[in-house]
Amino acid sequence: MELIKTETIQHKIHTIREVQIILDKDLAQFYGVKPIRLREQIKRNPNRFPPDFVFPLSETEIEYMVSQNAIPSKQSLGGSFPLVFTEQGVGAVSGVIIKIGRL
């Protein structure tokens, strides 16, 4: 597995609801999996991901993220609301990432 530069990670961290978050697509990229596989694991393990660990963006938050170039466009989301992970959520992902690798 290739190491990721600190600057790359820092560039992907945003503040929403006064909390630092990372988009599901970016976290999936860091782990080398497809975002849909990551989201599947979140749905399969709801007890590991309470709302303060992972939550979907609201329409207003999506518009903000698009304006900040964190998301290319609303159309790029394909009609779905992206999930975002707090620091605790990122830590919880490591517990299910092994399952993703086996899919």
PDB file of N, CA and C in Angstrom:
ATOM      1  N   MET A   1       0.838  -1.176   0.000  1.00  0.00           N
ATOM      2  CA  MET A   1       0.000   0.000   0.000  1.00  0.00           C
ATOM      3  C   MET A   1       0.886   1.243   0.000  1.00  0.00           C
ATOM      4  N   GLU A   2       0.547   2.188  -0.834  1.00  0.00           N
ATOM      5  CA  GLU A   2       1.314   3.424  -0.966  1.00  0.00           C
ATOM      6  C   GLU A   2       0.942   4.399   0.147  1.00  0.00           C
ATOM      7  N   LEU A   3       1.958   5.057   0.712  1.00  0.00           N
ATOM      8  CA  LEU A   3       1.698   6.053   1.753  1.00  0.00           C
ATOM      9  C   LEU A   3       1.103   7.310   1.139  1.00  0.00           C
ATOM     10  N   ILE A   4       0.234   7.953   1.880  1.00  0.00           N
ATOM     11  CA  ILE A   4      -0.421   9.172   1.416  1.00  0.00           C
ATOM     12  C   ILE A   4       0.228  10.352   2.121  1.00  0.00           C
ATOM     13  N   LYS A   5       0.556  11.376   1.357  1.00  0.00           N
ATOM     14  CA  LYS A   5       1.193  12.553   1.927  1.00  0.00           C
ATOM     15  C   LYS A   5       0.227  13.292   2.845  1.00  0.00           C
ATOM     16  N   THR A   6       0.776  13.849   3.905  1.00  0.00           N
ATOM     17  CA  THR A   6      -0.019  14.603   4.877  1.00  0.00           C
ATOM     18  C   THR A   6      -0.781  15.735   4.204  1.00  0.00           C
ATOM     19  N   GLU A   7      -0.140  16.425   3.267  1.00  0.00           N
ATOM     20  CA  GLU A   7      -0.784  17.547   2.586  1.00  0.00           C
ATOM     21  C   GLU A   7      -2.019  17.085   1.812  1.00  0.00           C
ATOM     22  N   THR A   8      -1.946  15.908   1.244  1.00  0.00           N
ATOM     23  CA  THR A   8      -3.078  15.361   0.488  1.00  0.00           C
ATOM     24  C   THR A   8      -4.260  15.133   1.419  1.00  0.00           C
ATOM     25  N   ILE A   9      -3.994  14.579   2.578  1.00  0.00           N
ATOM     26  CA  ILE A   9      -5.060  14.328   3.548  1.00  0.00           C
ATOM     27  C   ILE A   9      -5.621  15.647   4.063  1.00  0.00           C
ATOM     28  N   GLN A  10      -4.753  16.564   4.420  1.00  0.00           N
ATOM     29  CA  GLN A  10      -5.207  17.847   4.959  1.00  0.00           C
ATOM     30  C   GLN A  10      -6.091  18.592   3.973  1.00  0.00           C
ATOM     31  N   HIS A  11      -5.790  18.463   2.691  1.00  0.00           N
ATOM     32  CA  HIS A  11      -6.576  19.132   1.650  1.00  0.00           C
ATOM     33  C   HIS A  11      -7.999  18.562   1.560  1.00  0.00           C
ATOM     34  N   LYS A  12      -8.200  17.342   2.019  1.00  0.00           N
ATOM     35  CA  LYS A  12      -9.502  16.674   1.932  1.00  0.00           C
ATOM     36  C   LYS A  12     -10.351  16.855   3.195  1.00  0.00           C
ATOM     37  N   ILE A  13      -9.816  17.495   4.204  1.00  0.00           N
ATOM     38  CA  ILE A  13     -10.547  17.724   5.449  1.00  0.00           C
ATOM     39  C   ILE A  13     -11.274  19.059   5.359  1.00  0.00           C
ATOM     40  N   HIS A  14     -12.561  19.041   5.666  1.00  0.00           N
ATOM     41  CA  HIS A  14     -13.406  20.230   5.593  1.00  0.00           C
ATOM     42  C   HIS A  14     -14.135  20.398   6.922  1.00  0.00           C
ATOM     43  N   THR A  15     -14.685  21.569   7.141  1.00  0.00           N
ATOM     44  CA  THR A  15     -15.464  21.807   8.353  1.00  0.00           C
ATOM     45  C   THR A  15     -16.927  22.013   7.985  1.00  0.00           C
ATOM     46  N   ILE A  16     -17.774  21.162   8.551  1.00  0.00           N
ATOM     47  CA  ILE A  16     -19.228  21.216   8.374  1.00  0.00           C
ATOM     48  C   ILE A  16     -19.833  21.027   9.761  1.00  0.00           C
ATOM     49  N   ARG A  17     -20.847  21.798  10.086  1.00  0.00           N
ATOM     50  CA  ARG A  17     -21.513  21.704  11.390  1.00  0.00           C
ATOM     51  C   ARG A  17     -20.517  21.863  12.541  1.00  0.00           C
ATOM     52  N   GLU A  18     -19.510  22.689  12.305  1.00  0.00           N
ATOM     53  CA  GLU A  18     -18.454  22.970  13.274  1.00  0.00           C
ATOM     54  C   GLU A  18     -17.639  21.734  13.645  1.00  0.00           C
ATOM     55  N   VAL A  19     -17.602  20.759  12.738  1.00  0.00           N
ATOM     56  CA  VAL A  19     -16.856  19.526  12.937  1.00  0.00           C
ATOM     57  C   VAL A  19     -15.994  19.292  11.699  1.00  0.00           C
ATOM     58  N   GLN A  20     -14.786  18.805  11.902  1.00  0.00           N
ATOM     59  CA  GLN A  20     -13.946  18.452  10.755  1.00  0.00           C
ATOM     60  C   GLN A  20     -14.414  17.114  10.205  1.00  0.00           C
ATOM     61  N   ILE A  21     -14.560  17.077   8.868  1.00  0.00           N
ATOM     62  CA  ILE A  21     -15.084  15.872   8.206  1.00  0.00           C
ATOM     63  C   ILE A  21     -14.253  15.557   6.958  1.00  0.00           C
ATOM     64  N   ILE A  22     -14.462  14.342   6.459  1.00  0.00           N
ATOM     65  CA  ILE A  22     -13.904  13.940   5.172  1.00  0.00           C
ATOM     66  C   ILE A  22     -15.025  13.253   4.393  1.00  0.00           C
ATOM     67  N   LEU A  23     -15.100  13.534   3.106  1.00  0.00           N
ATOM     68  CA  LEU A  23     -16.137  12.942   2.253  1.00  0.00           C
ATOM     69  C   LEU A  23     -15.902  11.448   2.065  1.00  0.00           C
ATOM     70  N   ASP A  24     -16.996  10.709   1.904  1.00  0.00           N
ATOM     71  CA  ASP A  24     -16.883   9.267   1.691  1.00  0.00           C
ATOM     72  C   ASP A  24     -16.031   8.927   0.476  1.00  0.00           C
ATOM     73  N   LYS A  25     -16.157   9.707  -0.596  1.00  0.00           N
ATOM     74  CA  LYS A  25     -15.374   9.416  -1.812  1.00  0.00           C
ATOM     75  C   LYS A  25     -13.878   9.561  -1.558  1.00  0.00           C
ATOM     76  N   ASP A  26     -13.502  10.534  -0.733  1.00  0.00           N
ATOM     77  CA  ASP A  26     -12.081  10.745  -0.435  1.00  0.00           C
ATOM     78  C   ASP A  26     -11.550   9.664   0.497  1.00  0.00           C
ATOM     79  N   LEU A  27     -12.331   9.301   1.507  1.00  0.00           N
ATOM     80  CA  LEU A  27     -11.911   8.247   2.425  1.00  0.00           C
ATOM     81  C   LEU A  27     -11.779   6.919   1.684  1.00  0.00           C
ATOM     82  N   ALA A  28     -12.729   6.624   0.810  1.00  0.00           N
ATOM     83  CA  ALA A  28     -12.660   5.392   0.023  1.00  0.00           C
ATOM     84  C   ALA A  28     -11.407   5.379  -0.843  1.00  0.00           C
ATOM     85  N   GLN A  29     -11.087   6.520  -1.426  1.00  0.00           N
ATOM     86  CA  GLN A  29      -9.884   6.605  -2.263  1.00  0.00           C
ATOM     87  C   GLN A  29      -8.631   6.321  -1.446  1.00  0.00           C
ATOM     88  N   PHE A  30      -8.561   6.857  -0.237  1.00  0.00           N
ATOM     89  CA  PHE A  30      -7.395   6.612   0.627  1.00  0.00           C
ATOM     90  C   PHE A  30      -7.230   5.131   0.930  1.00  0.00           C
ATOM     91  N   TYR A  31      -8.346   4.424   1.073  1.00  0.00           N
ATOM     92  CA  TYR A  31      -8.293   2.993   1.367  1.00  0.00           C
ATOM     93  C   TYR A  31      -8.254   2.126   0.105  1.00  0.00           C
ATOM     94  N   GLY A  32      -8.381   2.750  -1.056  1.00  0.00           N
ATOM     95  CA  GLY A  32      -8.300   2.000  -2.308  1.00  0.00           C
ATOM     96  C   GLY A  32      -9.528   1.164  -2.606  1.00  0.00           C
ATOM     97  N   VAL A  33     -10.696   1.649  -2.177  1.00  0.00           N
ATOM     98  CA  VAL A  33     -11.950   0.944  -2.447  1.00  0.00           C
ATOM     99  C   VAL A  33     -12.920   1.903  -3.121  1.00  0.00           C
ATOM    100  N   LYS A  34     -13.978   1.355  -3.685  1.00  0.00           N
ATOM    101  CA  LYS A  34     -15.009   2.188  -4.309  1.00  0.00           C
ATOM    102  C   LYS A  34     -15.907   2.770  -3.219  1.00  0.00           C
ATOM    103  N   PRO A  35     -16.343   4.024  -3.396  1.00  0.00           N
ATOM    104  CA  PRO A  35     -17.231   4.633  -2.393  1.00  0.00           C
ATOM    105  C   PRO A  35     -18.485   3.814  -2.111  1.00  0.00           C
ATOM    106  N   ILE A  36     -19.042   3.172  -3.132  1.00  0.00           N
ATOM    107  CA  ILE A  36     -20.251   2.374  -2.917  1.00  0.00           C
ATOM    108  C   ILE A  36     -19.981   1.213  -1.958  1.00  0.00           C
ATOM    109  N   ARG A  37     -18.799   0.629  -2.019  1.00  0.00           N
ATOM    110  CA  ARG A  37     -18.444  -0.471  -1.114  1.00  0.00           C
ATOM    111  C   ARG A  37     -18.310   0.035   0.320  1.00  0.00           C
ATOM    112  N   LEU A  38     -17.736   1.221   0.464  1.00  0.00           N
ATOM    113  CA  LEU A  38     -17.608   1.824   1.792  1.00  0.00           C
ATOM    114  C   LEU A  38     -18.999   2.095   2.378  1.00  0.00           C
ATOM    115  N   ARG A  39     -19.884   2.687   1.576  1.00  0.00           N
ATOM    116  CA  ARG A  39     -21.240   2.981   2.046  1.00  0.00           C
ATOM    117  C   ARG A  39     -22.000   1.697   2.404  1.00  0.00           C
ATOM    118  N   GLU A  40     -21.779   0.616   1.650  1.00  0.00           N
ATOM    119  CA  GLU A  40     -22.418  -0.666   1.970  1.00  0.00           C
ATOM    120  C   GLU A  40     -22.012  -1.141   3.359  1.00  0.00           C
ATOM    121  N   GLN A  41     -20.750  -1.012   3.683  1.00  0.00           N
ATOM    122  CA  GLN A  41     -20.269  -1.457   4.988  1.00  0.00           C
ATOM    123  C   GLN A  41     -20.834  -0.609   6.122  1.00  0.00           C
ATOM    124  N   ILE A  42     -21.043   0.675   5.850  1.00  0.00           N
ATOM    125  CA  ILE A  42     -21.640   1.546   6.863  1.00  0.00           C
ATOM    126  C   ILE A  42     -23.075   1.071   7.138  1.00  0.00           C
ATOM    127  N   LYS A  43     -23.814   0.743   6.087  1.00  0.00           N
ATOM    128  CA  LYS A  43     -25.193   0.264   6.246  1.00  0.00           C
ATOM    129  C   LYS A  43     -25.232  -1.089   6.952  1.00  0.00           C
ATOM    130  N   ARG A  44     -24.252  -1.931   6.699  1.00  0.00           N
ATOM    131  CA  ARG A  44     -24.217  -3.265   7.302  1.00  0.00           C
ATOM    132  C   ARG A  44     -23.759  -3.247   8.759  1.00  0.00           C
ATOM    133  N   ASN A  45     -23.117  -2.174   9.170  1.00  0.00           N
ATOM    134  CA  ASN A  45     -22.580  -2.070  10.524  1.00  0.00           C
ATOM    135  C   ASN A  45     -23.078  -0.800  11.226  1.00  0.00           C
ATOM    136  N   PRO A  46     -24.387  -0.615  11.328  1.00  0.00           N
ATOM    137  CA  PRO A  46     -24.912   0.652  11.866  1.00  0.00           C
ATOM    138  C   PRO A  46     -24.494   0.927  13.310  1.00  0.00           C
ATOM    139  N   ASN A  47     -24.273  -0.107  14.095  1.00  0.00           N
ATOM    140  CA  ASN A  47     -23.877   0.108  15.489  1.00  0.00           C
ATOM    141  C   ASN A  47     -22.482   0.713  15.610  1.00  0.00           C
ATOM    142  N   ARG A  48     -21.651   0.509  14.609  1.00  0.00           N
ATOM    143  CA  ARG A  48     -20.292   1.062  14.631  1.00  0.00           C
ATOM    144  C   ARG A  48     -20.243   2.510  14.151  1.00  0.00           C
ATOM    145  N   PHE A  49     -21.340   2.983  13.545  1.00  0.00           N
ATOM    146  CA  PHE A  49     -21.340   4.304  12.930  1.00  0.00           C
ATOM    147  C   PHE A  49     -22.540   5.143  13.369  1.00  0.00           C
ATOM    148  N   PRO A  50     -22.534   5.620  14.607  1.00  0.00           N
ATOM    149  CA  PRO A  50     -23.624   6.495  15.054  1.00  0.00           C
ATOM    150  C   PRO A  50     -23.577   7.834  14.322  1.00  0.00           C
ATOM    151  N   PRO A  51     -24.627   8.634  14.431  1.00  0.00           N
ATOM    152  CA  PRO A  51     -24.713   9.906  13.689  1.00  0.00           C
ATOM    153  C   PRO A  51     -23.579  10.899  13.964  1.00  0.00           C
ATOM    154  N   ASP A  52     -22.904  10.769  15.104  1.00  0.00           N
ATOM    155  CA  ASP A  52     -21.786  11.680  15.345  1.00  0.00           C
ATOM    156  C   ASP A  52     -20.480  11.151  14.745  1.00  0.00           C
ATOM    157  N   PHE A  53     -20.513   9.970  14.124  1.00  0.00           N
ATOM    158  CA  PHE A  53     -19.358   9.414  13.418  1.00  0.00           C
ATOM    159  C   PHE A  53     -19.477   9.613  11.908  1.00  0.00           C
ATOM    160  N   VAL A  54     -20.712   9.450  11.395  1.00  0.00           N
ATOM    161  CA  VAL A  54     -20.961   9.548   9.954  1.00  0.00           C
ATOM    162  C   VAL A  54     -22.382  10.062   9.739  1.00  0.00           C
ATOM    163  N   PHE A  55     -22.527  10.966   8.761  1.00  0.00           N
ATOM    164  CA  PHE A  55     -23.852  11.510   8.461  1.00  0.00           C
ATOM    165  C   PHE A  55     -23.888  11.996   7.017  1.00  0.00           C
ATOM    166  N   PRO A  56     -25.094  12.032   6.421  1.00  0.00           N
ATOM    167  CA  PRO A  56     -25.206  12.553   5.060  1.00  0.00           C
ATOM    168  C   PRO A  56     -25.220  14.078   5.085  1.00  0.00           C
ATOM    169  N   LEU A  57     -24.722  14.673   4.021  1.00  0.00           N
ATOM    170  CA  LEU A  57     -24.775  16.122   3.884  1.00  0.00           C
ATOM    171  C   LEU A  57     -26.192  16.556   3.541  1.00  0.00           C
ATOM    172  N   SER A  58     -26.577  17.725   3.994  1.00  0.00           N
ATOM    173  CA  SER A  58     -27.856  18.305   3.612  1.00  0.00           C
ATOM    174  C   SER A  58     -27.696  18.983   2.251  1.00  0.00           C
ATOM    175  N   GLU A  59     -28.808  19.374   1.667  1.00  0.00           N
ATOM    176  CA  GLU A  59     -28.778  20.078   0.372  1.00  0.00           C
ATOM    177  C   GLU A  59     -27.945  21.358   0.476  1.00  0.00           C
ATOM    178  N   THR A  60     -28.123  22.113   1.550  1.00  0.00           N
ATOM    179  CA  THR A  60     -27.366  23.353   1.756  1.00  0.00           C
ATOM    180  C   THR A  60     -25.873  23.071   1.887  1.00  0.00           C
ATOM    181  N   GLU A  61     -25.535  22.009   2.606  1.00  0.00           N
ATOM    182  CA  GLU A  61     -24.128  21.653   2.787  1.00  0.00           C
ATOM    183  C   GLU A  61     -23.502  21.196   1.473  1.00  0.00           C
ATOM    184  N   ILE A  62     -24.284  20.498   0.655  1.00  0.00           N
ATOM    185  CA  ILE A  62     -23.783  20.084  -0.657  1.00  0.00           C
ATOM    186  C   ILE A  62     -23.483  21.311  -1.508  1.00  0.00           C
ATOM    187  N   GLU A  63     -24.392  22.262  -1.496  1.00  0.00           N
ATOM    188  CA  GLU A  63     -24.167  23.491  -2.260  1.00  0.00           C
ATOM    189  C   GLU A  63     -22.903  24.207  -1.778  1.00  0.00           C
ATOM    190  N   TYR A  64     -22.696  24.230  -0.472  1.00  0.00           N
ATOM    191  CA  TYR A  64     -21.484  24.838   0.086  1.00  0.00           C
ATOM    192  C   TYR A  64     -20.236  24.082  -0.391  1.00  0.00           C
ATOM    193  N   MET A  65     -20.279  22.753  -0.334  1.00  0.00           N
ATOM    194  CA  MET A  65     -19.117  21.942  -0.740  1.00  0.00           C
ATOM    195  C   MET A  65     -18.822  22.120  -2.231  1.00  0.00           C
ATOM    196  N   VAL A  66     -19.857  22.264  -3.049  1.00  0.00           N
ATOM    197  CA  VAL A  66     -19.660  22.526  -4.474  1.00  0.00           C
ATOM    198  C   VAL A  66     -19.005  23.890  -4.651  1.00  0.00           C
ATOM    199  N   SER A  67     -19.461  24.888  -3.908  1.00  0.00           N
ATOM    200  CA  SER A  67     -18.883  26.231  -4.023  1.00  0.00           C
ATOM    201  C   SER A  67     -17.428  26.273  -3.571  1.00  0.00           C
ATOM    202  N   GLN A  68     -17.042  25.343  -2.700  1.00  0.00           N
ATOM    203  CA  GLN A  68     -15.662  25.280  -2.212  1.00  0.00           C
ATOM    204  C   GLN A  68     -14.797  24.335  -3.064  1.00  0.00           C
ATOM    205  N   ASN A  69     -15.387  23.782  -4.123  1.00  0.00           N
ATOM    206  CA  ASN A  69     -14.717  22.836  -5.024  1.00  0.00           C
ATOM    207  C   ASN A  69     -14.349  21.517  -4.347  1.00  0.00           C
ATOM    208  N   ALA A  70     -14.991  21.187  -3.242  1.00  0.00           N
ATOM    209  CA  ALA A  70     -14.770  19.894  -2.601  1.00  0.00           C
ATOM    210  C   ALA A  70     -15.525  18.805  -3.349  1.00  0.00           C
ATOM    211  N   ILE A  71     -16.637  19.204  -3.971  1.00  0.00           N
ATOM    212  CA  ILE A  71     -17.442  18.321  -4.817  1.00  0.00           C
ATOM    213  C   ILE A  71     -17.513  19.008  -6.178  1.00  0.00           C
ATOM    214  N   PRO A  72     -17.203  18.284  -7.272  1.00  0.00           N
ATOM    215  CA  PRO A  72     -17.174  18.922  -8.586  1.00  0.00           C
ATOM    216  C   PRO A  72     -18.485  19.608  -8.978  1.00  0.00           C
ATOM    217  N   SER A  73     -19.609  18.943  -8.737  1.00  0.00           N
ATOM    218  CA  SER A  73     -20.913  19.508  -9.057  1.00  0.00           C
ATOM    219  C   SER A  73     -21.977  18.641  -8.400  1.00  0.00           C
ATOM    220  N   LYS A  74     -23.181  19.184  -8.282  1.00  0.00           N
ATOM    221  CA  LYS A  74     -24.275  18.389  -7.729  1.00  0.00           C
ATOM    222  C   LYS A  74     -24.569  17.192  -8.628  1.00  0.00           C
ATOM    223  N   GLN A  75     -24.426  17.389  -9.937  1.00  0.00           N
ATOM    224  CA  GLN A  75     -24.692  16.309 -10.878  1.00  0.00           C
ATOM    225  C   GLN A  75     -23.721  15.141 -10.678  1.00  0.00           C
ATOM    226  N   SER A  76     -22.504  15.431 -10.234  1.00  0.00           N
ATOM    227  CA  SER A  76     -21.514  14.370 -10.043  1.00  0.00           C
ATOM    228  C   SER A  76     -21.910  13.411  -8.928  1.00  0.00           C
ATOM    229  N   LEU A  77     -22.865  13.802  -8.089  1.00  0.00           N
ATOM    230  CA  LEU A  77     -23.303  12.955  -6.988  1.00  0.00           C
ATOM    231  C   LEU A  77     -24.310  11.897  -7.434  1.00  0.00           C
ATOM    232  N   GLY A  78     -24.835  12.037  -8.632  1.00  0.00           N
ATOM    233  CA  GLY A  78     -25.770  11.046  -9.157  1.00  0.00           C
ATOM    234  C   GLY A  78     -27.068  10.952  -8.378  1.00  0.00           C
ATOM    235  N   GLY A  79     -27.491  12.045  -7.781  1.00  0.00           N
ATOM    236  CA  GLY A  79     -28.754  12.054  -7.053  1.00  0.00           C
ATOM    237  C   GLY A  79     -28.665  11.580  -5.624  1.00  0.00           C
ATOM    238  N   SER A  80     -27.490  11.164  -5.181  1.00  0.00           N
ATOM    239  CA  SER A  80     -27.368  10.709  -3.800  1.00  0.00           C
ATOM    240  C   SER A  80     -26.647  11.756  -2.951  1.00  0.00           C
ATOM    241  N   PHE A  81     -26.917  11.707  -1.678  1.00  0.00           N
ATOM    242  CA  PHE A  81     -26.256  12.622  -0.752  1.00  0.00           C
ATOM    243  C   PHE A  81     -25.016  11.915  -0.204  1.00  0.00           C
ATOM    244  N   PRO A  82     -23.845  12.539  -0.343  1.00  0.00           N
ATOM    245  CA  PRO A  82     -22.633  11.870   0.148  1.00  0.00           C
ATOM    246  C   PRO A  82     -22.632  11.776   1.671  1.00  0.00           C
ATOM    247  N   LEU A  83     -21.995  10.722   2.148  1.00  0.00           N
ATOM    248  CA  LEU A  83     -21.769  10.598   3.579  1.00  0.00           C
ATOM    249  C   LEU A  83     -20.467  11.308   3.907  1.00  0.00           C
ATOM    250  N   VAL A  84     -20.400  11.835   5.111  1.00  0.00           N
ATOM    251  CA  VAL A  84     -19.154  12.428   5.591  1.00  0.00           C
ATOM    252  C   VAL A  84     -18.797  11.782   6.922  1.00  0.00           C
ATOM    253  N   PHE A  85     -17.514  11.689   7.180  1.00  0.00           N
ATOM    254  CA  PHE A  85     -17.013  11.029   8.373  1.00  0.00           C
ATOM    255  C   PHE A  85     -16.294  12.023   9.271  1.00  0.00           C
ATOM    256  N   THR A  86     -16.612  11.960  10.556  1.00  0.00           N
ATOM    257  CA  THR A  86     -15.876  12.735  11.539  1.00  0.00           C
ATOM    258  C   THR A  86     -14.596  11.964  11.869  1.00  0.00           C
ATOM    259  N   GLU A  87     -13.775  12.539  12.720  1.00  0.00           N
ATOM    260  CA  GLU A  87     -12.540  11.860  13.109  1.00  0.00           C
ATOM    261  C   GLU A  87     -12.829  10.475  13.697  1.00  0.00           C
ATOM    262  N   GLN A  88     -13.853  10.383  14.525  1.00  0.00           N
ATOM    263  CA  GLN A  88     -14.221   9.099  15.120  1.00  0.00           C
ATOM    264  C   GLN A  88     -14.725   8.123  14.053  1.00  0.00           C
ATOM    265  N   GLY A  89     -15.433   8.647  13.066  1.00  0.00           N
ATOM    266  CA  GLY A  89     -15.915   7.807  11.973  1.00  0.00           C
ATOM    267  C   GLY A  89     -14.792   7.249  11.133  1.00  0.00           C
ATOM    268  N   VAL A  90     -13.777   8.068  10.893  1.00  0.00           N
ATOM    269  CA  VAL A  90     -12.604   7.607  10.138  1.00  0.00           C
ATOM    270  C   VAL A  90     -11.945   6.454  10.893  1.00  0.00           C
ATOM    271  N   GLY A  91     -11.846   6.599  12.210  1.00  0.00           N
ATOM    272  CA  GLY A  91     -11.260   5.524  13.014  1.00  0.00           C
ATOM    273  C   GLY A  91     -12.095   4.256  12.952  1.00  0.00           C
ATOM    274  N   ALA A  92     -13.422   4.401  12.958  1.00  0.00           N
ATOM    275  CA  ALA A  92     -14.305   3.236  12.910  1.00  0.00           C
ATOM    276  C   ALA A  92     -14.222   2.515  11.572  1.00  0.00           C
ATOM    277  N   VAL A  93     -13.914   3.250  10.514  1.00  0.00           N
ATOM    278  CA  VAL A  93     -13.811   2.630   9.184  1.00  0.00           C
ATOM    279  C   VAL A  93     -12.707   1.582   9.164  1.00  0.00           C
ATOM    280  N   SER A  94     -11.630   1.831   9.872  1.00  0.00           N
ATOM    281  CA  SER A  94     -10.532   0.865   9.853  1.00  0.00           C
ATOM    282  C   SER A  94     -10.972  -0.498  10.369  1.00  0.00           C
ATOM    283  N   GLY A  95     -11.994  -0.523  11.230  1.00  0.00           N
ATOM    284  CA  GLY A  95     -12.506  -1.794  11.743  1.00  0.00           C
ATOM    285  C   GLY A  95     -13.299  -2.596  10.738  1.00  0.00           C
ATOM    286  N   VAL A  96     -13.828  -1.945   9.712  1.00  0.00           N
ATOM    287  CA  VAL A  96     -14.615  -2.666   8.707  1.00  0.00           C
ATOM    288  C   VAL A  96     -13.895  -2.742   7.366  1.00  0.00           C
ATOM    289  N   ILE A  97     -12.777  -2.079   7.233  1.00  0.00           N
ATOM    290  CA  ILE A  97     -12.080  -2.027   5.940  1.00  0.00           C
ATOM    291  C   ILE A  97     -11.616  -3.408   5.486  1.00  0.00           C
ATOM    292  N   ILE A  98     -11.328  -4.294   6.418  1.00  0.00           N
ATOM    293  CA  ILE A  98     -10.919  -5.658   6.059  1.00  0.00           C
ATOM    294  C   ILE A  98     -12.047  -6.355   5.313  1.00  0.00           C
ATOM    295  N   LYS A  99     -13.278  -6.124   5.753  1.00  0.00           N
ATOM    296  CA  LYS A  99     -14.434  -6.710   5.071  1.00  0.00           C
ATOM    297  C   LYS A  99     -14.537  -6.216   3.635  1.00  0.00           C
ATOM    298  N   ILE A 100     -14.248  -4.940   3.433  1.00  0.00           N
ATOM    299  CA  ILE A 100     -14.330  -4.369   2.100  1.00  0.00           C
ATOM    300  C   ILE A 100     -13.314  -5.025   1.175  1.00  0.00           C
ATOM    301  N   GLY A 101     -12.119  -5.254   1.659  1.00  0.00           N
ATOM    302  CA  GLY A 101     -11.068  -5.856   0.851  1.00  0.00           C
ATOM    303  C   GLY A 101     -11.409  -7.255   0.369  1.00  0.00           C
ATOM    304  N   ARG A 102     -12.297  -7.928   1.084  1.00  0.00           N
ATOM    305  CA  ARG A 102     -12.685  -9.288   0.706  1.00  0.00           C
ATOM    306  C   ARG A 102     -13.813  -9.334  -0.294  1.00  0.00           C
ATOM    307  N   LEU A 103     -14.452  -8.183  -0.556  1.00  0.00           N
ATOM    308  CA  LEU A 103     -15.604  -8.164  -1.469  1.00  0.00           C
ATOM    309  C   LEU A 103     -15.171  -8.318  -2.902  1.00  0.00           C
TER     310      LEU A 103
END
